Amino acid sequence: MKKNSSLIIGGIILIIIIIFSVVGPLVYNQSSNYTDLYHTSEAPSVEHFLGTDETGRDILARLMEGGRVTIFVGLIATLFKMILSVVAGTLAGYFGGLANQLLMRLADIVMCFPFYILAISLAAILGPSIQNLVFIIAFFSWPASARLIATEVQTIKNKEFVKYYEINGFSKWYILFKHIVPNIKSTLIVIFTLSVAQSILMESSLSFLGLGVQAPYSSWGMMLSSAMNILSIQREWWLWLPAGLLVLLMIFSIHLIGEGQKKRGGLVDAKSD
């Protein structure tokens, strides 16, 4: 059997990042919020492996805490997004008619506006916090996934096996959840994995702009915002480069997993045919 290299490489990178974020604090005995004004913006050393920030906090410890927060926001926001997408997409795709018109027009309205304009506007009204960040990401990113799910459901509902159950008087809800939704599970897995990467990127961007995670919590995007000056970029690489690399590696690994799931789904479909 041919190995799925994308899935394997992406999974290895993701597992390493998760271990770094979750297990790392148990090994690395430094507080992420302890400020030491005598050792501010110091370069990497034996005491602080990745240096300190402008208030003397340990960068490595903050990277670990930021990883937990970033992963948490990405997963929870994606979970809520998937609930909205699956409900809207399956209802619109299977029942059609008024449900399809209302839900797809709502999706069109949301998609008409750039995400970051809507997100920044709502964040300014609600205020920056982790809860509001999750809500903003989920509410403004579901339409594209819902439209894809609706298209998949519309295709499957015209299959012969679905017509068989309809002719024999089975409930529409039974057919939808017992036979249609399980047949789009490979699509849902791919949407979920790619949505996690998208949510992490959105969280990092909004936190970078000061509209996401707030102190005393840390996130990779929030750490990047501390280097918003040319001096830090040129001379204090430890303030922004590690966080930037972790964001890139996280998104890259999840995209590899998504690509691997696509290939795996294609192999499964080929075998079933």
C-alpha atoms as a PDB file:
ATOM      1  CA  MET A   1       0.000   0.000   0.000  1.00  0.00           C
ATOM      2  CA  LYS A   2       1.372   3.409  -0.997  1.00  0.00           C
ATOM      3  CA  LYS A   3       2.283   5.618   1.952  1.00  0.00           C
ATOM      4  CA  ASN A   4       0.488   8.924   2.351  1.00  0.00           C
ATOM      5  CA  SER A   5       3.556  11.142   2.847  1.00  0.00           C
ATOM      6  CA  SER A   6       1.585  14.377   3.236  1.00  0.00           C
ATOM      7  CA  LEU A   7      -0.497  12.928   6.056  1.00  0.00           C
ATOM      8  CA  ILE A   8       2.535  11.423   7.807  1.00  0.00           C
ATOM      9  CA  ILE A   9       4.734  14.555   7.602  1.00  0.00           C
ATOM     10  CA  GLY A  10       1.886  16.881   8.576  1.00  0.00           C
ATOM     11  CA  GLY A  11       0.931  14.648  11.487  1.00  0.00           C
ATOM     12  CA  ILE A  12       4.502  14.474  12.792  1.00  0.00           C
ATOM     13  CA  ILE A  13       4.931  18.272  12.678  1.00  0.00           C
ATOM     14  CA  LEU A  14       1.557  18.831  14.356  1.00  0.00           C
ATOM     15  CA  ILE A  15       2.270  16.300  17.117  1.00  0.00           C
ATOM     16  CA  ILE A  16       5.637  17.947  17.831  1.00  0.00           C
ATOM     17  CA  ILE A  17       3.983  21.377  18.113  1.00  0.00           C
ATOM     18  CA  ILE A  18       1.248  20.014  20.406  1.00  0.00           C
ATOM     19  CA  ILE A  19       3.810  18.276  22.637  1.00  0.00           C
ATOM     20  CA  PHE A  20       5.839  21.503  22.725  1.00  0.00           C
ATOM     21  CA  SER A  21       2.775  23.524  23.781  1.00  0.00           C
ATOM     22  CA  VAL A  22       1.187  21.072  26.203  1.00  0.00           C
ATOM     23  CA  VAL A  23       4.075  19.085  27.691  1.00  0.00           C
ATOM     24  CA  GLY A  24       6.756  21.783  27.365  1.00  0.00           C
ATOM     25  CA  PRO A  25       5.621  23.841  30.408  1.00  0.00           C
ATOM     26  CA  LEU A  26       5.958  20.740  32.602  1.00  0.00           C
ATOM     27  CA  VAL A  27       9.629  20.461  31.655  1.00  0.00           C
ATOM     28  CA  TYR A  28      10.667  24.069  31.176  1.00  0.00           C
ATOM     29  CA  ASN A  29      10.589  25.677  34.604  1.00  0.00           C
ATOM     30  CA  GLN A  30       9.915  29.300  33.675  1.00  0.00           C
ATOM     31  CA  SER A  31       6.792  31.417  34.198  1.00  0.00           C
ATOM     32  CA  SER A  32       5.265  32.928  31.077  1.00  0.00           C
ATOM     33  CA  ASN A  33       3.987  36.005  32.945  1.00  0.00           C
ATOM     34  CA  TYR A  34       6.867  36.729  35.328  1.00  0.00           C
ATOM     35  CA  THR A  35       8.318  40.157  34.516  1.00  0.00           C
ATOM     36  CA  ASP A  36      11.948  40.997  35.214  1.00  0.00           C
ATOM     37  CA  LEU A  37      12.655  44.654  34.456  1.00  0.00           C
ATOM     38  CA  TYR A  38      16.373  44.090  35.007  1.00  0.00           C
ATOM     39  CA  HIS A  39      16.532  41.704  32.039  1.00  0.00           C
ATOM     40  CA  THR A  40      14.384  43.209  29.302  1.00  0.00           C
ATOM     41  CA  SER A  41      14.781  42.389  25.597  1.00  0.00           C
ATOM     42  CA  GLU A  42      17.754  40.145  26.271  1.00  0.00           C
ATOM     43  CA  ALA A  43      19.122  37.857  23.574  1.00  0.00           C
ATOM     44  CA  PRO A  44      18.931  34.058  24.017  1.00  0.00           C
ATOM     45  CA  SER A  45      21.065  32.771  26.874  1.00  0.00           C
ATOM     46  CA  VAL A  46      21.475  29.763  29.155  1.00  0.00           C
ATOM     47  CA  GLU A  47      18.917  31.201  31.581  1.00  0.00           C
ATOM     48  CA  HIS A  48      16.416  32.185  28.865  1.00  0.00           C
ATOM     49  CA  PHE A  49      16.832  29.905  25.866  1.00  0.00           C
ATOM     50  CA  LEU A  50      14.958  32.235  23.484  1.00  0.00           C
ATOM     51  CA  GLY A  51      15.609  35.493  25.289  1.00  0.00           C
ATOM     52  CA  THR A  52      13.174  37.855  26.961  1.00  0.00           C
ATOM     53  CA  ASP A  53      10.644  40.406  25.732  1.00  0.00           C
ATOM     54  CA  GLU A  54      10.319  44.110  26.453  1.00  0.00           C
ATOM     55  CA  THR A  55       9.106  43.460  30.023  1.00  0.00           C
ATOM     56  CA  GLY A  56      11.577  40.667  30.833  1.00  0.00           C
ATOM     57  CA  ARG A  57       9.196  37.744  30.282  1.00  0.00           C
ATOM     58  CA  ASP A  58      10.677  34.492  29.011  1.00  0.00           C
ATOM     59  CA  ILE A  59       9.974  34.088  25.267  1.00  0.00           C
ATOM     60  CA  LEU A  60      10.099  30.283  25.253  1.00  0.00           C
ATOM     61  CA  ALA A  61       7.601  30.018  28.117  1.00  0.00           C
ATOM     62  CA  ARG A  62       5.288  32.473  26.353  1.00  0.00           C
ATOM     63  CA  LEU A  63       5.568  30.486  23.124  1.00  0.00           C
ATOM     64  CA  MET A  64       4.394  27.391  24.970  1.00  0.00           C
ATOM     65  CA  GLU A  65       1.462  29.195  26.579  1.00  0.00           C
ATOM     66  CA  GLY A  66       0.683  30.957  23.302  1.00  0.00           C
ATOM     67  CA  GLY A  67       0.579  27.588  21.551  1.00  0.00           C
ATOM     68  CA  ARG A  68      -2.065  26.296  23.935  1.00  0.00           C
ATOM     69  CA  VAL A  69      -4.191  29.420  23.517  1.00  0.00           C
ATOM     70  CA  THR A  70      -3.805  29.504  19.726  1.00  0.00           C
ATOM     71  CA  ILE A  71      -4.652  25.800  19.347  1.00  0.00           C
ATOM     72  CA  PHE A  72      -7.620  26.153  21.723  1.00  0.00           C
ATOM     73  CA  VAL A  73      -9.059  29.124  19.819  1.00  0.00           C
ATOM     74  CA  GLY A  74      -8.481  27.392  16.476  1.00  0.00           C
ATOM     75  CA  LEU A  75     -10.209  24.173  17.533  1.00  0.00           C
ATOM     76  CA  ILE A  76     -13.182  25.732  19.348  1.00  0.00           C
ATOM     77  CA  ALA A  77     -13.812  28.298  16.600  1.00  0.00           C
ATOM     78  CA  THR A  78     -13.641  25.532  13.986  1.00  0.00           C
ATOM     79  CA  LEU A  79     -16.027  23.352  15.990  1.00  0.00           C
ATOM     80  CA  PHE A  80     -18.668  26.108  16.096  1.00  0.00           C
ATOM     81  CA  LYS A  81     -18.025  26.911  12.439  1.00  0.00           C
ATOM     82  CA  MET A  82     -18.560  23.262  11.489  1.00  0.00           C
ATOM     83  CA  ILE A  83     -21.837  23.118  13.406  1.00  0.00           C
ATOM     84  CA  LEU A  84     -23.135  26.186  11.545  1.00  0.00           C
ATOM     85  CA  SER A  85     -21.811  24.927   8.193  1.00  0.00           C
ATOM     86  CA  VAL A  86     -23.197  21.399   8.528  1.00  0.00           C
ATOM     87  CA  VAL A  87     -26.639  22.544   9.723  1.00  0.00           C
ATOM     88  CA  ALA A  88     -26.983  25.229   7.043  1.00  0.00           C
ATOM     89  CA  GLY A  89     -25.441  23.135   4.260  1.00  0.00           C
ATOM     90  CA  THR A  90     -27.418  19.950   4.873  1.00  0.00           C
ATOM     91  CA  LEU A  91     -30.741  21.747   5.316  1.00  0.00           C
ATOM     92  CA  ALA A  92     -30.234  23.879   2.211  1.00  0.00           C
ATOM     93  CA  GLY A  93     -28.903  21.008   0.102  1.00  0.00           C
ATOM     94  CA  TYR A  94     -31.436  18.328   1.024  1.00  0.00           C
ATOM     95  CA  PHE A  95     -34.681  20.228   1.591  1.00  0.00           C
ATOM     96  CA  GLY A  96     -34.054  22.934  -1.034  1.00  0.00           C
ATOM     97  CA  GLY A  97     -36.862  25.406  -1.684  1.00  0.00           C
ATOM     98  CA  LEU A  98     -37.297  28.169   0.886  1.00  0.00           C
ATOM     99  CA  ALA A  99     -34.656  26.732   3.243  1.00  0.00           C
ATOM    100  CA  ASN A 100     -32.087  26.773   0.446  1.00  0.00           C
ATOM    101  CA  GLN A 101     -32.996  30.311  -0.609  1.00  0.00           C
ATOM    102  CA  LEU A 102     -32.866  31.767   2.912  1.00  0.00           C
ATOM    103  CA  LEU A 103     -29.679  30.026   4.063  1.00  0.00           C
ATOM    104  CA  MET A 104     -27.714  30.534   0.840  1.00  0.00           C
ATOM    105  CA  ARG A 105     -28.751  34.190   0.570  1.00  0.00           C
ATOM    106  CA  LEU A 106     -27.597  34.689   4.165  1.00  0.00           C
ATOM    107  CA  ALA A 107     -24.304  33.031   3.227  1.00  0.00           C
ATOM    108  CA  ASP A 108     -24.000  35.321   0.191  1.00  0.00           C
ATOM    109  CA  ILE A 109     -24.542  38.405   2.350  1.00  0.00           C
ATOM    110  CA  VAL A 110     -21.803  37.393   4.790  1.00  0.00           C
ATOM    111  CA  MET A 111     -19.434  36.505   1.934  1.00  0.00           C
ATOM    112  CA  CYS A 112     -19.987  39.873   0.255  1.00  0.00           C
ATOM    113  CA  PHE A 113     -17.886  41.613   2.899  1.00  0.00           C
ATOM    114  CA  PRO A 114     -14.159  40.976   3.497  1.00  0.00           C
ATOM    115  CA  PHE A 115     -13.671  38.914   6.656  1.00  0.00           C
ATOM    116  CA  TYR A 116     -11.209  41.252   8.349  1.00  0.00           C
ATOM    117  CA  ILE A 117     -13.382  44.336   7.855  1.00  0.00           C
ATOM    118  CA  LEU A 118     -16.324  42.581   9.517  1.00  0.00           C
ATOM    119  CA  ALA A 119     -14.114  41.045  12.197  1.00  0.00           C
ATOM    120  CA  ILE A 120     -12.378  44.305  13.093  1.00  0.00           C
ATOM    121  CA  SER A 121     -15.707  46.169  13.205  1.00  0.00           C
ATOM    122  CA  LEU A 122     -17.371  43.613  15.467  1.00  0.00           C
ATOM    123  CA  ALA A 123     -14.284  43.237  17.670  1.00  0.00           C
ATOM    124  CA  ALA A 124     -14.257  47.007  18.166  1.00  0.00           C
ATOM    125  CA  ILE A 125     -17.910  46.840  19.286  1.00  0.00           C
ATOM    126  CA  LEU A 126     -17.752  43.709  21.462  1.00  0.00           C
ATOM    127  CA  GLY A 127     -14.225  44.279  22.754  1.00  0.00           C
ATOM    128  CA  PRO A 128     -11.194  42.014  22.456  1.00  0.00           C
ATOM    129  CA  SER A 129     -11.389  38.686  24.302  1.00  0.00           C
ATOM    130  CA  ILE A 130     -10.972  34.977  23.613  1.00  0.00           C
ATOM    131  CA  GLN A 131     -14.739  34.375  23.708  1.00  0.00           C
ATOM    132  CA  ASN A 132     -15.475  37.181  21.258  1.00  0.00           C
ATOM    133  CA  LEU A 133     -12.626  36.014  19.033  1.00  0.00           C
ATOM    134  CA  VAL A 134     -14.099  32.507  18.809  1.00  0.00           C
ATOM    135  CA  PHE A 135     -17.538  33.937  17.999  1.00  0.00           C
ATOM    136  CA  ILE A 136     -16.198  36.275  15.306  1.00  0.00           C
ATOM    137  CA  ILE A 137     -14.155  33.581  13.558  1.00  0.00           C
ATOM    138  CA  ALA A 138     -16.995  31.042  13.613  1.00  0.00           C
ATOM    139  CA  PHE A 139     -19.779  33.415  12.558  1.00  0.00           C
ATOM    140  CA  PHE A 140     -17.953  35.072   9.667  1.00  0.00           C
ATOM    141  CA  SER A 141     -16.223  31.998   8.201  1.00  0.00           C
ATOM    142  CA  TRP A 142     -19.022  29.409   7.857  1.00  0.00           C
ATOM    143  CA  PRO A 143     -20.640  30.416   4.521  1.00  0.00           C
ATOM    144  CA  ALA A 144     -18.031  28.994   2.110  1.00  0.00           C
ATOM    145  CA  SER A 145     -18.049  25.619   3.881  1.00  0.00           C
ATOM    146  CA  ALA A 146     -21.859  25.593   4.030  1.00  0.00           C
ATOM    147  CA  ARG A 147     -22.102  26.168   0.276  1.00  0.00           C
ATOM    148  CA  LEU A 148     -19.683  23.314  -0.403  1.00  0.00           C
ATOM    149  CA  ILE A 149     -21.620  20.979   1.895  1.00  0.00           C
ATOM    150  CA  ALA A 150     -24.920  21.996   0.271  1.00  0.00           C
ATOM    151  CA  THR A 151     -23.520  21.153  -3.181  1.00  0.00           C
ATOM    152  CA  GLU A 152     -22.334  17.733  -1.938  1.00  0.00           C
ATOM    153  CA  VAL A 153     -25.714  16.992  -0.351  1.00  0.00           C
ATOM    154  CA  GLN A 154     -27.592  18.034  -3.503  1.00  0.00           C
ATOM    155  CA  THR A 155     -25.481  15.587  -5.512  1.00  0.00           C
ATOM    156  CA  ILE A 156     -26.004  12.681  -3.093  1.00  0.00           C
ATOM    157  CA  LYS A 157     -29.753  13.198  -2.652  1.00  0.00           C
ATOM    158  CA  ASN A 158     -30.243  12.386  -6.348  1.00  0.00           C
ATOM    159  CA  LYS A 159     -28.507   9.006  -5.992  1.00  0.00           C
ATOM    160  CA  GLU A 160     -30.556   5.844  -6.439  1.00  0.00           C
ATOM    161  CA  PHE A 161     -30.119   4.600  -2.868  1.00  0.00           C
ATOM    162  CA  VAL A 162     -31.611   7.841  -1.503  1.00  0.00           C
ATOM    163  CA  LYS A 163     -34.556   7.587  -3.908  1.00  0.00           C
ATOM    164  CA  TYR A 164     -35.073   4.017  -2.702  1.00  0.00           C
ATOM    165  CA  TYR A 165     -35.428   5.122   0.920  1.00  0.00           C
ATOM    166  CA  GLU A 166     -37.734   7.999  -0.060  1.00  0.00           C
ATOM    167  CA  ILE A 167     -40.003   5.727  -2.102  1.00  0.00           C
ATOM    168  CA  ASN A 168     -40.239   3.304   0.817  1.00  0.00           C
ATOM    169  CA  GLY A 169     -41.472   6.035   3.151  1.00  0.00           C
ATOM    170  CA  PHE A 170     -38.433   6.622   5.313  1.00  0.00           C
ATOM    171  CA  SER A 171     -38.338   9.940   7.160  1.00  0.00           C
ATOM    172  CA  LYS A 172     -36.375  12.744   5.492  1.00  0.00           C
ATOM    173  CA  TRP A 173     -34.507  13.348   8.744  1.00  0.00           C
ATOM    174  CA  TYR A 174     -33.620   9.647   8.956  1.00  0.00           C
ATOM    175  CA  ILE A 175     -32.304   9.662   5.384  1.00  0.00           C
ATOM    176  CA  LEU A 176     -30.377  12.891   5.972  1.00  0.00           C
ATOM    177  CA  PHE A 177     -28.548  11.881   9.152  1.00  0.00           C
ATOM    178  CA  LYS A 178     -28.320   8.112   8.564  1.00  0.00           C
ATOM    179  CA  HIS A 179     -27.356   7.989   4.897  1.00  0.00           C
ATOM    180  CA  ILE A 180     -26.453  11.393   3.452  1.00  0.00           C
ATOM    181  CA  VAL A 181     -24.259  12.930   6.173  1.00  0.00           C
ATOM    182  CA  PRO A 182     -22.128   9.746   6.533  1.00  0.00           C
ATOM    183  CA  ASN A 183     -21.492   9.873   2.767  1.00  0.00           C
ATOM    184  CA  ILE A 184     -19.910  13.332   3.004  1.00  0.00           C
ATOM    185  CA  LYS A 185     -17.684  12.528   5.979  1.00  0.00           C
ATOM    186  CA  SER A 186     -14.485  12.688   3.899  1.00  0.00           C
ATOM    187  CA  THR A 187     -15.468  16.198   2.759  1.00  0.00           C
ATOM    188  CA  LEU A 188     -16.244  17.187   6.350  1.00  0.00           C
ATOM    189  CA  ILE A 189     -12.853  15.933   7.549  1.00  0.00           C
ATOM    190  CA  VAL A 190     -11.034  17.942   4.882  1.00  0.00           C
ATOM    191  CA  ILE A 191     -13.112  21.055   5.663  1.00  0.00           C
ATOM    192  CA  PHE A 192     -12.398  20.641   9.380  1.00  0.00           C
ATOM    193  CA  THR A 193      -8.643  20.294   9.012  1.00  0.00           C
ATOM    194  CA  LEU A 194      -8.321  23.237   6.634  1.00  0.00           C
ATOM    195  CA  SER A 195     -10.679  25.310   8.804  1.00  0.00           C
ATOM    196  CA  VAL A 196      -8.446  24.773  11.846  1.00  0.00           C
ATOM    197  CA  ALA A 197      -5.523  26.239   9.892  1.00  0.00           C
ATOM    198  CA  GLN A 198      -7.707  29.113   8.711  1.00  0.00           C
ATOM    199  CA  SER A 199      -8.953  29.807  12.254  1.00  0.00           C
ATOM    200  CA  ILE A 200      -5.404  29.814  13.641  1.00  0.00           C
ATOM    201  CA  LEU A 201      -4.334  32.273  10.959  1.00  0.00           C
ATOM    202  CA  MET A 202      -7.357  34.483  11.697  1.00  0.00           C
ATOM    203  CA  GLU A 203      -6.648  34.377  15.430  1.00  0.00           C
ATOM    204  CA  SER A 204      -3.010  35.293  14.866  1.00  0.00           C
ATOM    205  CA  SER A 205      -3.957  38.164  12.564  1.00  0.00           C
ATOM    206  CA  LEU A 206      -6.579  39.634  14.902  1.00  0.00           C
ATOM    207  CA  SER A 207      -4.345  39.216  17.967  1.00  0.00           C
ATOM    208  CA  PHE A 208      -1.534  40.879  16.019  1.00  0.00           C
ATOM    209  CA  LEU A 209      -3.874  43.854  15.473  1.00  0.00           C
ATOM    210  CA  GLY A 210      -4.691  43.947  19.202  1.00  0.00           C
ATOM    211  CA  LEU A 211      -8.284  42.726  18.681  1.00  0.00           C
ATOM    212  CA  GLY A 212      -7.890  39.142  19.852  1.00  0.00           C
ATOM    213  CA  VAL A 213      -6.195  37.548  22.841  1.00  0.00           C
ATOM    214  CA  GLN A 214      -5.373  40.004  25.610  1.00  0.00           C
ATOM    215  CA  ALA A 215      -2.977  39.972  28.562  1.00  0.00           C
ATOM    216  CA  PRO A 216      -2.347  38.124  30.827  1.00  0.00           C
ATOM    217  CA  TYR A 217      -2.886  35.425  28.186  1.00  0.00           C
ATOM    218  CA  SER A 218      -0.430  34.940  25.368  1.00  0.00           C
ATOM    219  CA  SER A 219      -0.803  33.885  21.743  1.00  0.00           C
ATOM    220  CA  TRP A 220       1.580  33.718  18.821  1.00  0.00           C
ATOM    221  CA  GLY A 221      -0.192  36.580  17.061  1.00  0.00           C
ATOM    222  CA  MET A 222      -0.034  38.687  20.199  1.00  0.00           C
ATOM    223  CA  MET A 223       3.714  38.007  20.453  1.00  0.00           C
ATOM    224  CA  LEU A 224       4.208  39.094  16.846  1.00  0.00           C
ATOM    225  CA  SER A 225       2.507  42.404  17.614  1.00  0.00           C
ATOM    226  CA  SER A 226       5.246  43.221  20.137  1.00  0.00           C
ATOM    227  CA  ALA A 227       7.703  43.476  17.247  1.00  0.00           C
ATOM    228  CA  MET A 228       5.809  46.150  15.326  1.00  0.00           C
ATOM    229  CA  ASN A 229       8.827  48.404  14.930  1.00  0.00           C
ATOM    230  CA  ILE A 230      11.834  48.332  12.647  1.00  0.00           C
ATOM    231  CA  LEU A 231      14.325  48.119  15.538  1.00  0.00           C
ATOM    232  CA  SER A 232      12.838  44.874  16.840  1.00  0.00           C
ATOM    233  CA  ILE A 233      12.665  43.385  13.366  1.00  0.00           C
ATOM    234  CA  GLN A 234      16.318  44.201  12.638  1.00  0.00           C
ATOM    235  CA  ARG A 235      17.998  43.586  15.999  1.00  0.00           C
ATOM    236  CA  GLU A 236      15.641  41.581  18.231  1.00  0.00           C
ATOM    237  CA  TRP A 237      14.722  38.589  16.078  1.00  0.00           C
ATOM    238  CA  TRP A 238      13.852  36.437  19.087  1.00  0.00           C
ATOM    239  CA  LEU A 239      10.797  38.611  19.753  1.00  0.00           C
ATOM    240  CA  TRP A 240       9.044  37.701  16.477  1.00  0.00           C
ATOM    241  CA  LEU A 241      10.852  34.992  14.513  1.00  0.00           C
ATOM    242  CA  PRO A 242      10.023  31.963  16.769  1.00  0.00           C
ATOM    243  CA  ALA A 243       6.318  32.909  16.964  1.00  0.00           C
ATOM    244  CA  GLY A 244       6.180  33.525  13.218  1.00  0.00           C
ATOM    245  CA  LEU A 245       7.819  30.182  12.455  1.00  0.00           C
ATOM    246  CA  LEU A 246       5.424  28.331  14.755  1.00  0.00           C
ATOM    247  CA  VAL A 247       2.407  29.903  13.043  1.00  0.00           C
ATOM    248  CA  LEU A 248       3.789  28.927   9.637  1.00  0.00           C
ATOM    249  CA  LEU A 249       4.642  25.377  10.755  1.00  0.00           C
ATOM    250  CA  MET A 250       1.241  24.896  12.369  1.00  0.00           C
ATOM    251  CA  ILE A 251      -0.656  26.034   9.270  1.00  0.00           C
ATOM    252  CA  PHE A 252       1.693  24.102   6.972  1.00  0.00           C
ATOM    253  CA  SER A 253       1.245  20.878   8.957  1.00  0.00           C
ATOM    254  CA  ILE A 254      -2.555  21.167   8.991  1.00  0.00           C
ATOM    255  CA  HIS A 255      -2.635  21.850   5.259  1.00  0.00           C
ATOM    256  CA  LEU A 256      -0.479  18.749   4.714  1.00  0.00           C
ATOM    257  CA  ILE A 257      -2.943  16.731   6.789  1.00  0.00           C
ATOM    258  CA  GLY A 258      -5.817  18.154   4.739  1.00  0.00           C
ATOM    259  CA  GLU A 259      -4.056  17.228   1.497  1.00  0.00           C
ATOM    260  CA  GLY A 260      -3.378  13.772   2.902  1.00  0.00           C
ATOM    261  CA  GLN A 261      -7.051  13.348   3.766  1.00  0.00           C
ATOM    262  CA  LYS A 262      -7.991  14.349   0.210  1.00  0.00           C
ATOM    263  CA  LYS A 263      -5.659  11.700  -1.202  1.00  0.00           C
ATOM    264  CA  ARG A 264      -6.910   9.144   1.277  1.00  0.00           C
ATOM    265  CA  GLY A 265     -10.517   9.966   0.396  1.00  0.00           C
ATOM    266  CA  GLY A 266      -9.699   9.593  -3.286  1.00  0.00           C
ATOM    267  CA  LEU A 267      -8.166   6.176  -2.658  1.00  0.00           C
ATOM    268  CA  VAL A 268     -11.202   5.089  -0.669  1.00  0.00           C
ATOM    269  CA  ASP A 269     -13.572   6.284  -3.382  1.00  0.00           C
ATOM    270  CA  ALA A 270     -11.509   4.529  -6.064  1.00  0.00           C
ATOM    271  CA  LYS A 271     -11.634   1.268  -4.124  1.00  0.00           C
ATOM    272  CA  SER A 272     -15.379   1.546  -3.507  1.00  0.00           C
ATOM    273  CA  ASP A 273     -15.983   2.023  -7.231  1.00  0.00           C
END
